[in-house]
Amino acid sequence: MSSVALRFVLDPDLTPELRAEIIALWVDVTNAGGAVGFVAPVTAADVRTIADPTLAAIADGPDRLLLGYAGDRLAAMAIFTDNRFHLKTHYRVLTRVMVHPGCQGEGYGLELMRAAERIGRRWGLAALQITVRDGLGLDRFYRHLGYREVGRLPGALRVATGDDRDELHMWLDLSADRSG
């Protein structure tokens, strides 16, 4: 594990340079096999089809962006996605959760998720939800963090012809005491 802790920035100014860094991170994560909305290989142009409206929903609200930096390098990110429904204002969905492949194994994923948890508690949220592509072992990571599977859509994600994956919905109850 790295002795260098991430420096987190919530709601950064989405300059053109930062947008390009985010897209580059997204491309690198996807092309390394990450499950962040695409299947490798992708280009920056491919990622922009989703990144542009995603970043617009952050810049114009109501979604919020959390970035993690290792020194000056963008190493991790997560988006707090608003549910856009008045009966669901008590929780947020974490989307586009990613750690740069060059930083894997440094504990940054854990740091990112713990930072998201602290922020959710500070905002007074009751819970965080995350959606996971099955077949990559990601559910084990989130279970380790206290998330539990609350739903599964069988074969909901078609990553290739003949390769349909379950979509797992996982939930972290923020009212539980996790200190210590």
C-alpha atoms as a PDB file:
ATOM      1  CA  MET A   1       0.000   0.000   0.000  1.00  0.00           C
ATOM      2  CA  SER A   2       1.078   3.504  -0.774  1.00  0.00           C
ATOM      3  CA  SER A   3       2.150   5.833   1.984  1.00  0.00           C
ATOM      4  CA  VAL A   4       0.849   8.711  -0.153  1.00  0.00           C
ATOM      5  CA  ALA A   5      -2.748   9.517   0.709  1.00  0.00           C
ATOM      6  CA  LEU A   6      -5.038  10.944  -1.904  1.00  0.00           C
ATOM      7  CA  ARG A   7      -5.957  14.614  -1.757  1.00  0.00           C
ATOM      8  CA  PHE A   8      -9.669  14.971  -2.439  1.00  0.00           C
ATOM      9  CA  VAL A   9     -11.420  17.803  -4.232  1.00  0.00           C
ATOM     10  CA  LEU A  10     -15.202  18.034  -4.168  1.00  0.00           C
ATOM     11  CA  ASP A  11     -16.989  20.049  -6.854  1.00  0.00           C
ATOM     12  CA  PRO A  12     -13.936  21.274  -8.779  1.00  0.00           C
ATOM     13  CA  ASP A  13     -14.207  23.900 -11.489  1.00  0.00           C
ATOM     14  CA  LEU A  14     -14.727  21.861 -14.669  1.00  0.00           C
ATOM     15  CA  THR A  15     -12.243  23.670 -16.868  1.00  0.00           C
ATOM     16  CA  PRO A  16     -11.546  22.326 -20.367  1.00  0.00           C
ATOM     17  CA  GLU A  17      -8.218  20.987 -19.042  1.00  0.00           C
ATOM     18  CA  LEU A  18      -9.885  19.119 -16.186  1.00  0.00           C
ATOM     19  CA  ARG A  19     -12.540  17.711 -18.516  1.00  0.00           C
ATOM     20  CA  ALA A  20      -9.747  16.366 -20.737  1.00  0.00           C
ATOM     21  CA  GLU A  21      -8.033  14.785 -17.683  1.00  0.00           C
ATOM     22  CA  ILE A  22     -11.290  13.145 -16.612  1.00  0.00           C
ATOM     23  CA  ILE A  23     -11.879  11.756 -20.100  1.00  0.00           C
ATOM     24  CA  ALA A  24      -8.290  10.472 -20.256  1.00  0.00           C
ATOM     25  CA  LEU A  25      -8.769   8.743 -16.874  1.00  0.00           C
ATOM     26  CA  TRP A  26     -12.035   7.224 -18.104  1.00  0.00           C
ATOM     27  CA  VAL A  27     -10.359   5.941 -21.284  1.00  0.00           C
ATOM     28  CA  ASP A  28      -7.420   4.469 -19.359  1.00  0.00           C
ATOM     29  CA  VAL A  29      -9.688   2.751 -16.820  1.00  0.00           C
ATOM     30  CA  THR A  30     -11.950   1.321 -19.524  1.00  0.00           C
ATOM     31  CA  ASN A  31      -9.067   0.105 -21.675  1.00  0.00           C
ATOM     32  CA  ALA A  32      -7.555  -1.610 -18.640  1.00  0.00           C
ATOM     33  CA  GLY A  33     -10.801  -3.574 -18.202  1.00  0.00           C
ATOM     34  CA  GLY A  34     -12.665  -1.282 -15.821  1.00  0.00           C
ATOM     35  CA  ALA A  35     -16.457  -1.405 -15.755  1.00  0.00           C
ATOM     36  CA  VAL A  36     -17.317   2.281 -16.089  1.00  0.00           C
ATOM     37  CA  GLY A  37     -19.923   2.295 -18.825  1.00  0.00           C
ATOM     38  CA  PHE A  38     -17.966   0.972 -21.786  1.00  0.00           C
ATOM     39  CA  VAL A  39     -16.202  -2.134 -23.007  1.00  0.00           C
ATOM     40  CA  ALA A  40     -12.603  -1.813 -24.221  1.00  0.00           C
ATOM     41  CA  PRO A  41     -11.219  -0.632 -26.494  1.00  0.00           C
ATOM     42  CA  VAL A  42     -12.442   2.958 -26.399  1.00  0.00           C
ATOM     43  CA  THR A  43     -11.152   6.318 -27.540  1.00  0.00           C
ATOM     44  CA  ALA A  44     -11.650   9.753 -26.030  1.00  0.00           C
ATOM     45  CA  ALA A  45     -14.321  10.397 -28.691  1.00  0.00           C
ATOM     46  CA  ASP A  46     -16.213   7.285 -27.544  1.00  0.00           C
ATOM     47  CA  VAL A  47     -16.066   8.333 -23.901  1.00  0.00           C
ATOM     48  CA  ARG A  48     -17.162  11.901 -24.690  1.00  0.00           C
ATOM     49  CA  THR A  49     -20.585  10.554 -25.782  1.00  0.00           C
ATOM     50  CA  ILE A  50     -21.297   9.809 -22.111  1.00  0.00           C
ATOM     51  CA  ALA A  51     -18.793  12.128 -20.439  1.00  0.00           C
ATOM     52  CA  ASP A  52     -20.126  15.354 -21.968  1.00  0.00           C
ATOM     53  CA  PRO A  53     -23.707  14.991 -20.642  1.00  0.00           C
ATOM     54  CA  THR A  54     -22.384  13.566 -17.374  1.00  0.00           C
ATOM     55  CA  LEU A  55     -20.091  16.548 -16.827  1.00  0.00           C
ATOM     56  CA  ALA A  56     -22.903  18.930 -17.828  1.00  0.00           C
ATOM     57  CA  ALA A  57     -25.094  17.425 -15.084  1.00  0.00           C
ATOM     58  CA  ILE A  58     -22.250  18.150 -12.674  1.00  0.00           C
ATOM     59  CA  ALA A  59     -21.519  21.681 -13.896  1.00  0.00           C
ATOM     60  CA  ASP A  60     -25.209  22.636 -13.985  1.00  0.00           C
ATOM     61  CA  GLY A  61     -26.234  20.489 -11.013  1.00  0.00           C
ATOM     62  CA  PRO A  62     -27.584  18.447  -9.384  1.00  0.00           C
ATOM     63  CA  ASP A  63     -24.785  15.858  -9.563  1.00  0.00           C
ATOM     64  CA  ARG A  64     -21.523  16.304  -7.628  1.00  0.00           C
ATOM     65  CA  LEU A  65     -17.963  15.257  -8.492  1.00  0.00           C
ATOM     66  CA  LEU A  66     -15.300  13.923  -6.144  1.00  0.00           C
ATOM     67  CA  LEU A  67     -11.728  13.747  -7.453  1.00  0.00           C
ATOM     68  CA  GLY A  68      -8.727  12.117  -5.815  1.00  0.00           C
ATOM     69  CA  TYR A  69      -5.209  13.315  -6.581  1.00  0.00           C
ATOM     70  CA  ALA A  70      -1.916  11.539  -5.925  1.00  0.00           C
ATOM     71  CA  GLY A  71       0.357  14.559  -5.965  1.00  0.00           C
ATOM     72  CA  ASP A  72      -0.718  16.496  -9.055  1.00  0.00           C
ATOM     73  CA  ARG A  73      -2.002  13.410 -10.893  1.00  0.00           C
ATOM     74  CA  LEU A  74      -5.730  12.708 -11.171  1.00  0.00           C
ATOM     75  CA  ALA A  75      -5.838   9.197  -9.734  1.00  0.00           C
ATOM     76  CA  ALA A  76      -9.485   8.582  -8.833  1.00  0.00           C
ATOM     77  CA  MET A  77     -13.005   9.876  -9.184  1.00  0.00           C
ATOM     78  CA  ALA A  78     -16.605   9.230  -8.246  1.00  0.00           C
ATOM     79  CA  ILE A  79     -19.840  11.020  -9.025  1.00  0.00           C
ATOM     80  CA  PHE A  80     -22.638  11.498  -6.522  1.00  0.00           C
ATOM     81  CA  THR A  81     -25.611  11.158  -8.850  1.00  0.00           C
ATOM     82  CA  ASP A  82     -28.846  12.740  -7.726  1.00  0.00           C
ATOM     83  CA  ASN A  83     -31.906  10.508  -8.169  1.00  0.00           C
ATOM     84  CA  ARG A  84     -33.950  13.391  -9.597  1.00  0.00           C
ATOM     85  CA  PHE A  85     -37.030  12.205  -7.705  1.00  0.00           C
ATOM     86  CA  HIS A  86     -38.384  13.820  -4.552  1.00  0.00           C
ATOM     87  CA  LEU A  87     -38.963  10.512  -2.744  1.00  0.00           C
ATOM     88  CA  LYS A  88     -35.291   9.578  -3.162  1.00  0.00           C
ATOM     89  CA  THR A  89     -33.531  12.674  -1.850  1.00  0.00           C
ATOM     90  CA  HIS A  90     -32.217  10.776   1.191  1.00  0.00           C
ATOM     91  CA  TYR A  91     -29.592   8.834  -0.785  1.00  0.00           C
ATOM     92  CA  ARG A  92     -27.283   9.188  -3.781  1.00  0.00           C
ATOM     93  CA  VAL A  93     -25.995   6.740  -6.351  1.00  0.00           C
ATOM     94  CA  LEU A  94     -22.227   6.633  -6.765  1.00  0.00           C
ATOM     95  CA  THR A  95     -21.426   6.388 -10.467  1.00  0.00           C
ATOM     96  CA  ARG A  96     -18.281   6.342 -12.591  1.00  0.00           C
ATOM     97  CA  VAL A  97     -16.219   5.192  -9.621  1.00  0.00           C
ATOM     98  CA  MET A  98     -12.689   4.696 -10.925  1.00  0.00           C
ATOM     99  CA  VAL A  99      -9.043   4.538  -9.968  1.00  0.00           C
ATOM    100  CA  HIS A 100      -6.336   4.933 -12.597  1.00  0.00           C
ATOM    101  CA  PRO A 101      -4.895   1.523 -13.561  1.00  0.00           C
ATOM    102  CA  GLY A 102      -1.387   2.805 -12.810  1.00  0.00           C
ATOM    103  CA  CYS A 103      -2.498   3.406  -9.217  1.00  0.00           C
ATOM    104  CA  GLN A 104      -4.168   0.052  -8.626  1.00  0.00           C
ATOM    105  CA  GLY A 105      -3.040  -1.733  -5.489  1.00  0.00           C
ATOM    106  CA  GLU A 106      -2.197   1.498  -3.668  1.00  0.00           C
ATOM    107  CA  GLY A 107      -5.346   1.535  -1.546  1.00  0.00           C
ATOM    108  CA  TYR A 108      -6.799   4.461  -3.456  1.00  0.00           C
ATOM    109  CA  GLY A 109     -10.102   2.691  -4.155  1.00  0.00           C
ATOM    110  CA  LEU A 110     -10.606   2.236  -0.439  1.00  0.00           C
ATOM    111  CA  GLU A 111      -9.648   5.867   0.238  1.00  0.00           C
ATOM    112  CA  LEU A 112     -12.035   7.108  -2.460  1.00  0.00           C
ATOM    113  CA  MET A 113     -14.955   5.091  -1.131  1.00  0.00           C
ATOM    114  CA  ARG A 114     -14.287   6.099   2.473  1.00  0.00           C
ATOM    115  CA  ALA A 115     -14.147   9.758   1.402  1.00  0.00           C
ATOM    116  CA  ALA A 116     -17.483   9.341  -0.418  1.00  0.00           C
ATOM    117  CA  GLU A 117     -18.941   7.764   2.713  1.00  0.00           C
ATOM    118  CA  ARG A 118     -17.730  10.657   4.909  1.00  0.00           C
ATOM    119  CA  ILE A 119     -19.196  13.192   2.481  1.00  0.00           C
ATOM    120  CA  GLY A 120     -22.521  11.347   2.364  1.00  0.00           C
ATOM    121  CA  ARG A 121     -22.683  11.373   6.155  1.00  0.00           C
ATOM    122  CA  ARG A 122     -21.770  15.074   6.242  1.00  0.00           C
ATOM    123  CA  TRP A 123     -24.631  15.791   3.823  1.00  0.00           C
ATOM    124  CA  GLY A 124     -26.994  13.881   6.097  1.00  0.00           C
ATOM    125  CA  LEU A 125     -27.692  11.123   3.578  1.00  0.00           C
ATOM    126  CA  ALA A 126     -29.233   7.880   4.804  1.00  0.00           C
ATOM    127  CA  ALA A 127     -27.429   5.693   2.259  1.00  0.00           C
ATOM    128  CA  LEU A 128     -25.255   5.352  -0.810  1.00  0.00           C
ATOM    129  CA  GLN A 129     -26.030   3.014  -3.686  1.00  0.00           C
ATOM    130  CA  ILE A 130     -23.675   1.661  -6.312  1.00  0.00           C
ATOM    131  CA  THR A 131     -24.388  -0.425  -9.393  1.00  0.00           C
ATOM    132  CA  VAL A 132     -21.811  -3.074 -10.267  1.00  0.00           C
ATOM    133  CA  ARG A 133     -21.162  -5.160 -13.376  1.00  0.00           C
ATOM    134  CA  ASP A 134     -21.025  -8.808 -12.320  1.00  0.00           C
ATOM    135  CA  GLY A 135     -18.200 -11.089 -13.374  1.00  0.00           C
ATOM    136  CA  LEU A 136     -15.295  -8.856 -12.345  1.00  0.00           C
ATOM    137  CA  GLY A 137     -15.228  -9.467  -8.605  1.00  0.00           C
ATOM    138  CA  LEU A 138     -16.139  -5.870  -7.816  1.00  0.00           C
ATOM    139  CA  ASP A 139     -18.930  -6.976  -5.518  1.00  0.00           C
ATOM    140  CA  ARG A 140     -16.352  -8.483  -3.142  1.00  0.00           C
ATOM    141  CA  PHE A 141     -14.588  -5.105  -2.864  1.00  0.00           C
ATOM    142  CA  TYR A 142     -17.825  -3.283  -2.067  1.00  0.00           C
ATOM    143  CA  ARG A 143     -18.961  -5.967   0.392  1.00  0.00           C
ATOM    144  CA  HIS A 144     -15.651  -5.466   2.217  1.00  0.00           C
ATOM    145  CA  LEU A 145     -16.624  -1.791   2.565  1.00  0.00           C
ATOM    146  CA  GLY A 146     -19.986  -2.645   4.116  1.00  0.00           C
ATOM    147  CA  TYR A 147     -22.177  -2.541   1.027  1.00  0.00           C
ATOM    148  CA  ARG A 148     -24.750  -5.298   0.648  1.00  0.00           C
ATOM    149  CA  GLU A 149     -26.406  -6.585  -2.492  1.00  0.00           C
ATOM    150  CA  VAL A 150     -30.028  -5.443  -2.582  1.00  0.00           C
ATOM    151  CA  GLY A 151     -30.929  -6.338  -6.153  1.00  0.00           C
ATOM    152  CA  ARG A 152     -29.766  -8.073  -9.275  1.00  0.00           C
ATOM    153  CA  LEU A 153     -30.914  -7.679 -12.867  1.00  0.00           C
ATOM    154  CA  PRO A 154     -29.963 -10.926 -14.636  1.00  0.00           C
ATOM    155  CA  GLY A 155     -28.252 -10.383 -17.995  1.00  0.00           C
ATOM    156  CA  ALA A 156     -28.997  -6.648 -17.979  1.00  0.00           C
ATOM    157  CA  LEU A 157     -25.581  -5.660 -19.346  1.00  0.00           C
ATOM    158  CA  ARG A 158     -24.627  -6.933 -22.789  1.00  0.00           C
ATOM    159  CA  VAL A 159     -20.858  -6.477 -22.942  1.00  0.00           C
ATOM    160  CA  ALA A 160     -20.528  -8.558 -26.129  1.00  0.00           C
ATOM    161  CA  THR A 161     -22.616 -10.877 -28.241  1.00  0.00           C
ATOM    162  CA  GLY A 162     -23.328 -13.892 -26.056  1.00  0.00           C
ATOM    163  CA  ASP A 163     -21.827 -12.211 -22.964  1.00  0.00           C
ATOM    164  CA  ASP A 164     -24.616 -10.795 -20.845  1.00  0.00           C
ATOM    165  CA  ARG A 165     -23.728  -9.838 -17.275  1.00  0.00           C
ATOM    166  CA  ASP A 166     -25.889  -9.294 -14.241  1.00  0.00           C
ATOM    167  CA  GLU A 167     -26.213  -5.767 -12.919  1.00  0.00           C
ATOM    168  CA  LEU A 168     -25.860  -5.759  -9.120  1.00  0.00           C
ATOM    169  CA  HIS A 169     -27.347  -3.044  -6.964  1.00  0.00           C
ATOM    170  CA  MET A 170     -25.453  -2.547  -3.729  1.00  0.00           C
ATOM    171  CA  TRP A 171     -26.373  -0.391  -0.734  1.00  0.00           C
ATOM    172  CA  LEU A 172     -24.466   1.170   2.133  1.00  0.00           C
ATOM    173  CA  ASP A 173     -26.570   2.217   5.123  1.00  0.00           C
ATOM    174  CA  LEU A 174     -24.957   5.402   6.404  1.00  0.00           C
ATOM    175  CA  SER A 175     -26.905   5.310   9.654  1.00  0.00           C
ATOM    176  CA  ALA A 176     -24.823   2.323  10.807  1.00  0.00           C
ATOM    177  CA  ASP A 177     -21.938   3.221  13.106  1.00  0.00           C
ATOM    178  CA  ARG A 178     -18.762   2.365  11.210  1.00  0.00           C
ATOM    179  CA  SER A 179     -16.264   4.153  13.438  1.00  0.00           C
ATOM    180  CA  GLY A 180     -13.336   2.257  14.788  1.00  0.00           C
END
